Amino acid sequence: MTTAFTNLKSFLNYIKSLQLPPIIQQ
């Protein structure tokens, strides 16, 4: 369960980091 929670957390951080640089919008 802890591994799944960690995977979910890093996945959310991955999406977060993808949304930080506005490269797709430009």
PDB file of N, CA and C in Angstrom:
ATOM      1  N   MET A   1       0.841  -1.208   0.000  1.00  0.00           N
ATOM      2  CA  MET A   1       0.000   0.000   0.000  1.00  0.00           C
ATOM      3  C   MET A   1       0.872   1.252   0.000  1.00  0.00           C
ATOM      4  N   THR A   2       1.952   1.200   0.755  1.00  0.00           N
ATOM      5  CA  THR A   2       2.835   2.361   0.806  1.00  0.00           C
ATOM      6  C   THR A   2       3.458   2.620  -0.560  1.00  0.00           C
ATOM      7  N   THR A   3       3.768   1.534  -1.279  1.00  0.00           N
ATOM      8  CA  THR A   3       4.373   1.702  -2.598  1.00  0.00           C
ATOM      9  C   THR A   3       3.385   2.340  -3.563  1.00  0.00           C
ATOM     10  N   ALA A   4       2.131   1.928  -3.477  1.00  0.00           N
ATOM     11  CA  ALA A   4       1.111   2.496  -4.365  1.00  0.00           C
ATOM     12  C   ALA A   4       0.908   3.978  -4.050  1.00  0.00           C
ATOM     13  N   PHE A   5       0.932   4.306  -2.769  1.00  0.00           N
ATOM     14  CA  PHE A   5       0.765   5.709  -2.381  1.00  0.00           C
ATOM     15  C   PHE A   5       1.930   6.545  -2.876  1.00  0.00           C
ATOM     16  N   THR A   6       3.145   5.990  -2.787  1.00  0.00           N
ATOM     17  CA  THR A   6       4.320   6.710  -3.262  1.00  0.00           C
ATOM     18  C   THR A   6       4.276   6.878  -4.776  1.00  0.00           C
ATOM     19  N   ASN A   7       3.828   5.841  -5.465  1.00  0.00           N
ATOM     20  CA  ASN A   7       3.709   5.930  -6.920  1.00  0.00           C
ATOM     21  C   ASN A   7       2.685   6.979  -7.318  1.00  0.00           C
ATOM     22  N   LEU A   8       1.581   7.029  -6.591  1.00  0.00           N
ATOM     23  CA  LEU A   8       0.558   8.022  -6.885  1.00  0.00           C
ATOM     24  C   LEU A   8       1.079   9.427  -6.629  1.00  0.00           C
ATOM     25  N   LYS A   9       1.846   9.578  -5.557  1.00  0.00           N
ATOM     26  CA  LYS A   9       2.385  10.892  -5.208  1.00  0.00           C
ATOM     27  C   LYS A   9       3.376  11.365  -6.263  1.00  0.00           C
ATOM     28  N   SER A  10       4.267  10.472  -6.689  1.00  0.00           N
ATOM     29  CA  SER A  10       5.245  10.882  -7.694  1.00  0.00           C
ATOM     30  C   SER A  10       4.562  11.101  -9.038  1.00  0.00           C
ATOM     31  N   PHE A  11       3.479  10.375  -9.305  1.00  0.00           N
ATOM     32  CA  PHE A  11       2.745  10.588 -10.552  1.00  0.00           C
ATOM     33  C   PHE A  11       2.091  11.964 -10.567  1.00  0.00           C
ATOM     34  N   LEU A  12       1.525  12.359  -9.427  1.00  0.00           N
ATOM     35  CA  LEU A  12       0.927  13.688  -9.337  1.00  0.00           C
ATOM     36  C   LEU A  12       1.992  14.762  -9.466  1.00  0.00           C
ATOM     37  N   ASN A  13       3.156  14.529  -8.863  1.00  0.00           N
ATOM     38  CA  ASN A  13       4.249  15.480  -8.989  1.00  0.00           C
ATOM     39  C   ASN A  13       4.727  15.569 -10.429  1.00  0.00           C
ATOM     40  N   TYR A  14       4.685  14.439 -11.140  1.00  0.00           N
ATOM     41  CA  TYR A  14       5.094  14.414 -12.546  1.00  0.00           C
ATOM     42  C   TYR A  14       4.152  15.264 -13.387  1.00  0.00           C
ATOM     43  N   ILE A  15       2.848  15.111 -13.162  1.00  0.00           N
ATOM     44  CA  ILE A  15       1.873  15.924 -13.892  1.00  0.00           C
ATOM     45  C   ILE A  15       2.031  17.398 -13.517  1.00  0.00           C
ATOM     46  N   LYS A  16       2.308  17.647 -12.256  1.00  0.00           N
ATOM     47  CA  LYS A  16       2.502  19.020 -11.784  1.00  0.00           C
ATOM     48  C   LYS A  16       3.681  19.662 -12.505  1.00  0.00           C
ATOM     49  N   SER A  17       4.781  18.933 -12.600  1.00  0.00           N
ATOM     50  CA  SER A  17       5.974  19.470 -13.244  1.00  0.00           C
ATOM     51  C   SER A  17       5.746  19.649 -14.737  1.00  0.00           C
ATOM     52  N   LEU A  18       4.859  18.827 -15.308  1.00  0.00           N
ATOM     53  CA  LEU A  18       4.554  18.989 -16.722  1.00  0.00           C
ATOM     54  C   LEU A  18       3.760  20.264 -16.960  1.00  0.00           C
ATOM     55  N   GLN A  19       2.927  20.627 -16.002  1.00  0.00           N
ATOM     56  CA  GLN A  19       2.090  21.806 -16.162  1.00  0.00           C
ATOM     57  C   GLN A  19       2.832  23.097 -15.825  1.00  0.00           C
ATOM     58  N   LEU A  20       3.979  22.989 -15.160  1.00  0.00           N
ATOM     59  CA  LEU A  20       4.706  24.196 -14.766  1.00  0.00           C
ATOM     60  C   LEU A  20       5.228  24.976 -15.966  1.00  0.00           C
ATOM     61  N   PRO A  21       6.018  24.378 -16.864  1.00  0.00           N
ATOM     62  CA  PRO A  21       6.491  25.138 -18.012  1.00  0.00           C
ATOM     63  C   PRO A  21       5.427  25.234 -19.102  1.00  0.00           C
ATOM     64  N   PRO A  22       4.982  26.435 -19.439  1.00  0.00           N
ATOM     65  CA  PRO A  22       3.923  26.609 -20.445  1.00  0.00           C
ATOM     66  C   PRO A  22       4.469  26.486 -21.859  1.00  0.00           C
ATOM     67  N   ILE A  23       4.965  25.306 -22.201  1.00  0.00           N
ATOM     68  CA  ILE A  23       5.512  25.110 -23.549  1.00  0.00           C
ATOM     69  C   ILE A  23       4.393  24.711 -24.517  1.00  0.00           C
ATOM     70  N   ILE A  24       3.402  23.988 -24.021  1.00  0.00           N
ATOM     71  CA  ILE A  24       2.324  23.519 -24.895  1.00  0.00           C
ATOM     72  C   ILE A  24       1.425  24.688 -25.296  1.00  0.00           C
ATOM     73  N   GLN A  25       1.290  25.656 -24.405  1.00  0.00           N
ATOM     74  CA  GLN A  25       0.375  26.763 -24.687  1.00  0.00           C
ATOM     75  C   GLN A  25       0.936  27.683 -25.773  1.00  0.00           C
ATOM     76  N   GLN A  26       2.247  27.794 -25.851  1.00  0.00           N
ATOM     77  CA  GLN A  26       2.828  28.731 -26.814  1.00  0.00           C
ATOM     78  C   GLN A  26       3.025  28.085 -28.168  1.00  0.00           C
TER      79      GLN A  26
END
